[in-house]
Amino acid sequence: MADAKRKVGFNMGTSHTYSATQLFDLKRNTAIVTGAASGIGRAIAEGIASVGVSVVAADILDALCETERTITGCGQKCIGVKTDL
């Protein structure tokens, strides 16, 4: 993320330039991620948690608890919900 801040700047028609991290700041938000037990779903859940998003991780697989442990182990908020959507 730090690289994006250095390399990308956006001028929104004003005299201010905003970095990508400022435009897409998701801190203090909550996301529901389906398929969070493995694969792309897990990668998304862990990725957005790493930038300060609280995560509701949903999946039918028992491996969901691993995703929840990984995210909470890094000091981020996560709750796992075993469900079939």
PDB file of N, CA and C in Angstrom:
ATOM      1  N   MET A   1       0.808  -1.189   0.000  1.00  0.00           N
ATOM      2  CA  MET A   1       0.000   0.000   0.000  1.00  0.00           C
ATOM      3  C   MET A   1       0.860   1.265   0.000  1.00  0.00           C
ATOM      4  N   ALA A   2       1.984   1.227   0.675  1.00  0.00           N
ATOM      5  CA  ALA A   2       2.835   2.407   0.722  1.00  0.00           C
ATOM      6  C   ALA A   2       3.306   2.781  -0.669  1.00  0.00           C
ATOM      7  N   ASP A   3       3.578   1.796  -1.527  1.00  0.00           N
ATOM      8  CA  ASP A   3       4.004   2.075  -2.896  1.00  0.00           C
ATOM      9  C   ASP A   3       2.921   2.797  -3.678  1.00  0.00           C
ATOM     10  N   ALA A   4       1.670   2.417  -3.485  1.00  0.00           N
ATOM     11  CA  ALA A   4       0.564   3.069  -4.182  1.00  0.00           C
ATOM     12  C   ALA A   4       0.494   4.544  -3.809  1.00  0.00           C
ATOM     13  N   LYS A   5       0.776   4.854  -2.576  1.00  0.00           N
ATOM     14  CA  LYS A   5       0.715   6.243  -2.133  1.00  0.00           C
ATOM     15  C   LYS A   5       1.792   7.071  -2.811  1.00  0.00           C
ATOM     16  N   ARG A   6       2.963   6.499  -3.017  1.00  0.00           N
ATOM     17  CA  ARG A   6       4.057   7.228  -3.645  1.00  0.00           C
ATOM     18  C   ARG A   6       3.871   7.343  -5.152  1.00  0.00           C
ATOM     19  N   LYS A   7       3.330   6.321  -5.792  1.00  0.00           N
ATOM     20  CA  LYS A   7       3.292   6.266  -7.248  1.00  0.00           C
ATOM     21  C   LYS A   7       2.022   6.850  -7.861  1.00  0.00           C
ATOM     22  N   VAL A   8       0.930   6.876  -7.123  1.00  0.00           N
ATOM     23  CA  VAL A   8      -0.349   7.271  -7.701  1.00  0.00           C
ATOM     24  C   VAL A   8      -0.841   8.543  -7.039  1.00  0.00           C
ATOM     25  N   GLY A   9      -1.178   9.518  -7.848  1.00  0.00           N
ATOM     26  CA  GLY A   9      -1.775  10.742  -7.337  1.00  0.00           C
ATOM     27  C   GLY A   9      -2.952  11.130  -8.210  1.00  0.00           C
ATOM     28  N   PHE A  10      -4.004  11.615  -7.622  1.00  0.00           N
ATOM     29  CA  PHE A  10      -5.200  11.986  -8.367  1.00  0.00           C
ATOM     30  C   PHE A  10      -5.511  13.446  -8.079  1.00  0.00           C
ATOM     31  N   ASN A  11      -5.748  14.216  -9.113  1.00  0.00           N
ATOM     32  CA  ASN A  11      -6.181  15.588  -8.958  1.00  0.00           C
ATOM     33  C   ASN A  11      -7.665  15.611  -9.288  1.00  0.00           C
ATOM     34  N   MET A  12      -8.493  15.857  -8.308  1.00  0.00           N
ATOM     35  CA  MET A  12      -9.944  15.785  -8.462  1.00  0.00           C
ATOM     36  C   MET A  12     -10.525  17.133  -8.886  1.00  0.00           C
ATOM     37  N   GLY A  13      -9.836  17.873  -9.767  1.00  0.00           N
ATOM     38  CA  GLY A  13     -10.329  19.155 -10.228  1.00  0.00           C
ATOM     39  C   GLY A  13     -10.100  20.276  -9.229  1.00  0.00           C
ATOM     40  N   THR A  14      -9.272  20.010  -8.248  1.00  0.00           N
ATOM     41  CA  THR A  14      -8.956  21.029  -7.246  1.00  0.00           C
ATOM     42  C   THR A  14      -7.451  21.176  -7.180  1.00  0.00           C
ATOM     43  N   SER A  15      -6.995  22.011  -6.300  1.00  0.00           N
ATOM     44  CA  SER A  15      -5.555  22.191  -6.140  1.00  0.00           C
ATOM     45  C   SER A  15      -4.934  21.095  -5.275  1.00  0.00           C
ATOM     46  N   HIS A  16      -5.753  20.170  -4.770  1.00  0.00           N
ATOM     47  CA  HIS A  16      -5.254  19.098  -3.910  1.00  0.00           C
ATOM     48  C   HIS A  16      -4.992  17.840  -4.725  1.00  0.00           C
ATOM     49  N   THR A  17      -3.968  17.115  -4.368  1.00  0.00           N
ATOM     50  CA  THR A  17      -3.700  15.809  -4.964  1.00  0.00           C
ATOM     51  C   THR A  17      -3.923  14.765  -3.888  1.00  0.00           C
ATOM     52  N   TYR A  18      -4.684  13.733  -4.219  1.00  0.00           N
ATOM     53  CA  TYR A  18      -5.020  12.687  -3.269  1.00  0.00           C
ATOM     54  C   TYR A  18      -4.338  11.394  -3.674  1.00  0.00           C
ATOM     55  N   SER A  19      -3.819  10.664  -2.698  1.00  0.00           N
ATOM     56  CA  SER A  19      -3.223   9.357  -2.980  1.00  0.00           C
ATOM     57  C   SER A  19      -4.333   8.313  -3.081  1.00  0.00           C
ATOM     58  N   ALA A  20      -4.008   7.186  -3.681  1.00  0.00           N
ATOM     59  CA  ALA A  20      -4.988   6.098  -3.799  1.00  0.00           C
ATOM     60  C   ALA A  20      -5.453   5.647  -2.426  1.00  0.00           C
ATOM     61  N   THR A  21      -4.561   5.639  -1.447  1.00  0.00           N
ATOM     62  CA  THR A  21      -4.959   5.208  -0.106  1.00  0.00           C
ATOM     63  C   THR A  21      -5.918   6.192   0.549  1.00  0.00           C
ATOM     64  N   GLN A  22      -5.830   7.467   0.200  1.00  0.00           N
ATOM     65  CA  GLN A  22      -6.775   8.448   0.739  1.00  0.00           C
ATOM     66  C   GLN A  22      -8.137   8.313   0.069  1.00  0.00           C
ATOM     67  N   LEU A  23      -8.157   8.066  -1.224  1.00  0.00           N
ATOM     68  CA  LEU A  23      -9.421   7.941  -1.948  1.00  0.00           C
ATOM     69  C   LEU A  23     -10.176   6.678  -1.583  1.00  0.00           C
ATOM     70  N   PHE A  24      -9.439   5.625  -1.292  1.00  0.00           N
ATOM     71  CA  PHE A  24     -10.064   4.339  -1.034  1.00  0.00           C
ATOM     72  C   PHE A  24      -9.858   3.882   0.400  1.00  0.00           C
ATOM     73  N   ASP A  25      -9.885   4.808   1.324  1.00  0.00           N
ATOM     74  CA  ASP A  25      -9.701   4.501   2.739  1.00  0.00           C
ATOM     75  C   ASP A  25     -10.931   3.753   3.258  1.00  0.00           C
ATOM     76  N   LEU A  26     -10.724   2.530   3.717  1.00  0.00           N
ATOM     77  CA  LEU A  26     -11.831   1.696   4.191  1.00  0.00           C
ATOM     78  C   LEU A  26     -11.800   1.475   5.705  1.00  0.00           C
ATOM     79  N   LYS A  27     -10.870   2.111   6.398  1.00  0.00           N
ATOM     80  CA  LYS A  27     -10.784   1.939   7.846  1.00  0.00           C
ATOM     81  C   LYS A  27     -12.119   2.284   8.496  1.00  0.00           C
ATOM     82  N   ARG A  28     -12.398   1.607   9.567  1.00  0.00           N
ATOM     83  CA  ARG A  28     -13.631   1.787  10.346  1.00  0.00           C
ATOM     84  C   ARG A  28     -14.874   1.340   9.585  1.00  0.00           C
ATOM     85  N   ASN A  29     -14.700   0.520   8.566  1.00  0.00           N
ATOM     86  CA  ASN A  29     -15.820  -0.075   7.841  1.00  0.00           C
ATOM     87  C   ASN A  29     -15.854  -1.568   8.106  1.00  0.00           C
ATOM     88  N   THR A  30     -16.966  -2.193   7.781  1.00  0.00           N
ATOM     89  CA  THR A  30     -17.112  -3.640   7.937  1.00  0.00           C
ATOM     90  C   THR A  30     -17.489  -4.231   6.596  1.00  0.00           C
ATOM     91  N   ALA A  31     -16.866  -5.363   6.264  1.00  0.00           N
ATOM     92  CA  ALA A  31     -17.165  -6.052   5.008  1.00  0.00           C
ATOM     93  C   ALA A  31     -17.593  -7.481   5.301  1.00  0.00           C
ATOM     94  N   ILE A  32     -18.576  -7.954   4.549  1.00  0.00           N
ATOM     95  CA  ILE A  32     -18.972  -9.356   4.595  1.00  0.00           C
ATOM     96  C   ILE A  32     -18.288 -10.039   3.424  1.00  0.00           C
ATOM     97  N   VAL A  33     -17.515 -11.076   3.715  1.00  0.00           N
ATOM     98  CA  VAL A  33     -16.782 -11.794   2.675  1.00  0.00           C
ATOM     99  C   VAL A  33     -17.276 -13.229   2.639  1.00  0.00           C
ATOM    100  N   THR A  34     -17.859 -13.621   1.518  1.00  0.00           N
ATOM    101  CA  THR A  34     -18.320 -15.007   1.368  1.00  0.00           C
ATOM    102  C   THR A  34     -17.188 -15.851   0.798  1.00  0.00           C
ATOM    103  N   GLY A  35     -17.230 -17.135   1.094  1.00  0.00           N
ATOM    104  CA  GLY A  35     -16.174 -18.038   0.635  1.00  0.00           C
ATOM    105  C   GLY A  35     -14.854 -17.765   1.328  1.00  0.00           C
ATOM    106  N   ALA A  36     -14.913 -17.291   2.570  1.00  0.00           N
ATOM    107  CA  ALA A  36     -13.721 -16.823   3.275  1.00  0.00           C
ATOM    108  C   ALA A  36     -12.869 -17.929   3.885  1.00  0.00           C
ATOM    109  N   ALA A  37     -13.288 -19.183   3.761  1.00  0.00           N
ATOM    110  CA  ALA A  37     -12.511 -20.278   4.351  1.00  0.00           C
ATOM    111  C   ALA A  37     -11.262 -20.608   3.548  1.00  0.00           C
ATOM    112  N   SER A  38     -11.280 -20.308   2.250  1.00  0.00           N
ATOM    113  CA  SER A  38     -10.130 -20.679   1.418  1.00  0.00           C
ATOM    114  C   SER A  38     -10.095 -19.863   0.129  1.00  0.00           C
ATOM    115  N   GLY A  39      -9.011 -20.003  -0.573  1.00  0.00           N
ATOM    116  CA  GLY A  39      -8.873 -19.417  -1.896  1.00  0.00           C
ATOM    117  C   GLY A  39      -8.997 -17.904  -1.951  1.00  0.00           C
ATOM    118  N   ILE A  40      -9.688 -17.435  -2.989  1.00  0.00           N
ATOM    119  CA  ILE A  40      -9.821 -15.999  -3.210  1.00  0.00           C
ATOM    120  C   ILE A  40     -10.568 -15.328  -2.072  1.00  0.00           C
ATOM    121  N   GLY A  41     -11.612 -15.970  -1.552  1.00  0.00           N
ATOM    122  CA  GLY A  41     -12.373 -15.397  -0.447  1.00  0.00           C
ATOM    123  C   GLY A  41     -11.512 -15.152   0.781  1.00  0.00           C
ATOM    124  N   ARG A  42     -10.673 -16.130   1.096  1.00  0.00           N
ATOM    125  CA  ARG A  42      -9.782 -15.971   2.257  1.00  0.00           C
ATOM    126  C   ARG A  42      -8.761 -14.861   2.006  1.00  0.00           C
ATOM    127  N   ALA A  43      -8.215 -14.824   0.798  1.00  0.00           N
ATOM    128  CA  ALA A  43      -7.234 -13.786   0.466  1.00  0.00           C
ATOM    129  C   ALA A  43      -7.856 -12.389   0.566  1.00  0.00           C
ATOM    130  N   ILE A  44      -9.092 -12.256   0.116  1.00  0.00           N
ATOM    131  CA  ILE A  44      -9.777 -10.966   0.199  1.00  0.00           C
ATOM    132  C   ILE A  44     -10.023 -10.599   1.658  1.00  0.00           C
ATOM    133  N   ALA A  45     -10.506 -11.554   2.447  1.00  0.00           N
ATOM    134  CA  ALA A  45     -10.778 -11.288   3.865  1.00  0.00           C
ATOM    135  C   ALA A  45      -9.513 -10.841   4.594  1.00  0.00           C
ATOM    136  N   GLU A  46      -8.423 -11.556   4.372  1.00  0.00           N
ATOM    137  CA  GLU A  46      -7.168 -11.201   5.038  1.00  0.00           C
ATOM    138  C   GLU A  46      -6.610  -9.879   4.513  1.00  0.00           C
ATOM    139  N   GLY A  47      -6.757  -9.650   3.222  1.00  0.00           N
ATOM    140  CA  GLY A  47      -6.245  -8.413   2.631  1.00  0.00           C
ATOM    141  C   GLY A  47      -6.959  -7.178   3.134  1.00  0.00           C
ATOM    142  N   ILE A  48      -8.280  -7.224   3.153  1.00  0.00           N
ATOM    143  CA  ILE A  48      -9.005  -6.033   3.610  1.00  0.00           C
ATOM    144  C   ILE A  48      -8.871  -5.839   5.117  1.00  0.00           C
ATOM    145  N   ALA A  49      -8.723  -6.939   5.847  1.00  0.00           N
ATOM    146  CA  ALA A  49      -8.484  -6.808   7.295  1.00  0.00           C
ATOM    147  C   ALA A  49      -7.144  -6.118   7.547  1.00  0.00           C
ATOM    148  N   SER A  50      -6.176  -6.374   6.684  1.00  0.00           N
ATOM    149  CA  SER A  50      -4.841  -5.800   6.879  1.00  0.00           C
ATOM    150  C   SER A  50      -4.826  -4.281   6.711  1.00  0.00           C
ATOM    151  N   VAL A  51      -5.866  -3.705   6.104  1.00  0.00           N
ATOM    152  CA  VAL A  51      -5.937  -2.243   5.960  1.00  0.00           C
ATOM    153  C   VAL A  51      -6.969  -1.636   6.905  1.00  0.00           C
ATOM    154  N   GLY A  52      -7.394  -2.394   7.903  1.00  0.00           N
ATOM    155  CA  GLY A  52      -8.240  -1.848   8.964  1.00  0.00           C
ATOM    156  C   GLY A  52      -9.722  -2.096   8.849  1.00  0.00           C
ATOM    157  N   VAL A  53     -10.141  -2.921   7.903  1.00  0.00           N
ATOM    158  CA  VAL A  53     -11.557  -3.232   7.748  1.00  0.00           C
ATOM    159  C   VAL A  53     -11.931  -4.370   8.691  1.00  0.00           C
ATOM    160  N   SER A  54     -13.028  -4.229   9.422  1.00  0.00           N
ATOM    161  CA  SER A  54     -13.558  -5.328  10.224  1.00  0.00           C
ATOM    162  C   SER A  54     -14.226  -6.305   9.260  1.00  0.00           C
ATOM    163  N   VAL A  55     -14.086  -7.605   9.527  1.00  0.00           N
ATOM    164  CA  VAL A  55     -14.546  -8.613   8.576  1.00  0.00           C
ATOM    165  C   VAL A  55     -15.564  -9.553   9.203  1.00  0.00           C
ATOM    166  N   VAL A  56     -16.651  -9.778   8.482  1.00  0.00           N
ATOM    167  CA  VAL A  56     -17.568 -10.864   8.774  1.00  0.00           C
ATOM    168  C   VAL A  56     -17.266 -11.906   7.705  1.00  0.00           C
ATOM    169  N   ALA A  57     -16.613 -12.977   8.117  1.00  0.00           N
ATOM    170  CA  ALA A  57     -16.198 -14.029   7.189  1.00  0.00           C
ATOM    171  C   ALA A  57     -17.266 -15.119   7.163  1.00  0.00           C
ATOM    172  N   ALA A  58     -17.770 -15.445   5.978  1.00  0.00           N
ATOM    173  CA  ALA A  58     -18.834 -16.434   5.855  1.00  0.00           C
ATOM    174  C   ALA A  58     -18.411 -17.566   4.936  1.00  0.00           C
ATOM    175  N   ASP A  59     -18.713 -18.801   5.351  1.00  0.00           N
ATOM    176  CA  ASP A  59     -18.442 -19.976   4.531  1.00  0.00           C
ATOM    177  C   ASP A  59     -19.130 -21.169   5.153  1.00  0.00           C
ATOM    178  N   ILE A  60     -19.291 -22.211   4.367  1.00  0.00           N
ATOM    179  CA  ILE A  60     -19.895 -23.448   4.861  1.00  0.00           C
ATOM    180  C   ILE A  60     -18.825 -24.409   5.395  1.00  0.00           C
ATOM    181  N   LEU A  61     -17.573 -24.166   5.035  1.00  0.00           N
ATOM    182  CA  LEU A  61     -16.481 -25.070   5.403  1.00  0.00           C
ATOM    183  C   LEU A  61     -15.973 -24.813   6.817  1.00  0.00           C
ATOM    184  N   ASP A  62     -15.546 -25.896   7.485  1.00  0.00           N
ATOM    185  CA  ASP A  62     -15.006 -25.779   8.842  1.00  0.00           C
ATOM    186  C   ASP A  62     -13.699 -25.000   8.887  1.00  0.00           C
ATOM    187  N   ALA A  63     -13.005 -24.919   7.758  1.00  0.00           N
ATOM    188  CA  ALA A  63     -11.736 -24.183   7.703  1.00  0.00           C
ATOM    189  C   ALA A  63     -11.921 -22.688   7.959  1.00  0.00           C
ATOM    190  N   LEU A  64     -13.155 -22.236   8.034  1.00  0.00           N
ATOM    191  CA  LEU A  64     -13.447 -20.834   8.304  1.00  0.00           C
ATOM    192  C   LEU A  64     -12.816 -20.369   9.612  1.00  0.00           C
ATOM    193  N   CYS A  65     -12.757 -21.254  10.581  1.00  0.00           N
ATOM    194  CA  CYS A  65     -12.179 -20.868  11.880  1.00  0.00           C
ATOM    195  C   CYS A  65     -10.704 -20.491  11.740  1.00  0.00           C
ATOM    196  N   GLU A  66      -9.999 -21.083  10.769  1.00  0.00           N
ATOM    197  CA  GLU A  66      -8.591 -20.728  10.534  1.00  0.00           C
ATOM    198  C   GLU A  66      -8.476 -19.291  10.023  1.00  0.00           C
ATOM    199  N   THR A  67      -9.363 -18.924   9.115  1.00  0.00           N
ATOM    200  CA  THR A  67      -9.364 -17.547   8.608  1.00  0.00           C
ATOM    201  C   THR A  67      -9.620 -16.570   9.742  1.00  0.00           C
ATOM    202  N   GLU A  68     -10.610 -16.896  10.570  1.00  0.00           N
ATOM    203  CA  GLU A  68     -10.942 -16.030  11.700  1.00  0.00           C
ATOM    204  C   GLU A  68      -9.757 -15.900  12.658  1.00  0.00           C
ATOM    205  N   ARG A  69      -9.108 -17.014  12.964  1.00  0.00           N
ATOM    206  CA  ARG A  69      -7.942 -16.980  13.864  1.00  0.00           C
ATOM    207  C   ARG A  69      -6.795 -16.173  13.273  1.00  0.00           C
ATOM    208  N   THR A  70      -6.563 -16.326  11.985  1.00  0.00           N
ATOM    209  CA  THR A  70      -5.479 -15.592  11.337  1.00  0.00           C
ATOM    210  C   THR A  70      -5.710 -14.086  11.422  1.00  0.00           C
ATOM    211  N   ILE A  71      -6.920 -13.672  11.123  1.00  0.00           N
ATOM    212  CA  ILE A  71      -7.230 -12.232  11.125  1.00  0.00           C
ATOM    213  C   ILE A  71      -7.209 -11.667  12.538  1.00  0.00           C
ATOM    214  N   THR A  72      -7.847 -12.338  13.483  1.00  0.00           N
ATOM    215  CA  THR A  72      -7.863 -11.829  14.861  1.00  0.00           C
ATOM    216  C   THR A  72      -6.480 -11.923  15.497  1.00  0.00           C
ATOM    217  N   GLY A  73      -5.692 -12.886  15.061  1.00  0.00           N
ATOM    218  CA  GLY A  73      -4.323 -13.021  15.572  1.00  0.00           C
ATOM    219  C   GLY A  73      -3.428 -11.860  15.183  1.00  0.00           C
ATOM    220  N   CYS A  74      -3.815 -11.147  14.138  1.00  0.00           N
ATOM    221  CA  CYS A  74      -3.071  -9.963  13.690  1.00  0.00           C
ATOM    222  C   CYS A  74      -3.624  -8.682  14.304  1.00  0.00           C
ATOM    223  N   GLY A  75      -4.575  -8.832  15.233  1.00  0.00           N
ATOM    224  CA  GLY A  75      -5.121  -7.673  15.925  1.00  0.00           C
ATOM    225  C   GLY A  75      -6.291  -7.006  15.227  1.00  0.00           C
ATOM    226  N   GLN A  76      -6.834  -7.644  14.200  1.00  0.00           N
ATOM    227  CA  GLN A  76      -7.971  -7.078  13.477  1.00  0.00           C
ATOM    228  C   GLN A  76      -9.265  -7.729  13.962  1.00  0.00           C
ATOM    229  N   LYS A  77     -10.385  -7.071  13.693  1.00  0.00           N
ATOM    230  CA  LYS A  77     -11.686  -7.606  14.100  1.00  0.00           C
ATOM    231  C   LYS A  77     -12.228  -8.539  13.023  1.00  0.00           C
ATOM    232  N   CYS A  78     -12.658  -9.726  13.446  1.00  0.00           N
ATOM    233  CA  CYS A  78     -13.242 -10.689  12.517  1.00  0.00           C
ATOM    234  C   CYS A  78     -14.180 -11.611  13.274  1.00  0.00           C
ATOM    235  N   ILE A  79     -15.304 -11.897  12.659  1.00  0.00           N
ATOM    236  CA  ILE A  79     -16.210 -12.904  13.178  1.00  0.00           C
ATOM    237  C   ILE A  79     -16.506 -13.869  12.035  1.00  0.00           C
ATOM    238  N   GLY A  80     -16.410 -15.156  12.327  1.00  0.00           N
ATOM    239  CA  GLY A  80     -16.712 -16.177  11.328  1.00  0.00           C
ATOM    240  C   GLY A  80     -18.133 -16.668  11.483  1.00  0.00           C
ATOM    241  N   VAL A  81     -18.845 -16.770  10.378  1.00  0.00           N
ATOM    242  CA  VAL A  81     -20.224 -17.240  10.384  1.00  0.00           C
ATOM    243  C   VAL A  81     -20.305 -18.422   9.446  1.00  0.00           C
ATOM    244  N   LYS A  82     -20.538 -19.610  10.023  1.00  0.00           N
ATOM    245  CA  LYS A  82     -20.665 -20.798   9.198  1.00  0.00           C
ATOM    246  C   LYS A  82     -22.070 -20.833   8.627  1.00  0.00           C
ATOM    247  N   THR A  83     -22.162 -20.681   7.312  1.00  0.00           N
ATOM    248  CA  THR A  83     -23.473 -20.600   6.669  1.00  0.00           C
ATOM    249  C   THR A  83     -23.369 -21.032   5.217  1.00  0.00           C
ATOM    250  N   ASP A  84     -24.489 -21.379   4.657  1.00  0.00           N
ATOM    251  CA  ASP A  84     -24.574 -21.743   3.243  1.00  0.00           C
ATOM    252  C   ASP A  84     -25.404 -20.663   2.554  1.00  0.00           C
ATOM    253  N   LEU A  85     -24.735 -19.846   1.768  1.00  0.00           N
ATOM    254  CA  LEU A  85     -25.439 -18.755   1.087  1.00  0.00           C
ATOM    255  C   LEU A  85     -25.821 -19.168  -0.321  1.00  0.00           C
TER     256      LEU A  85
END
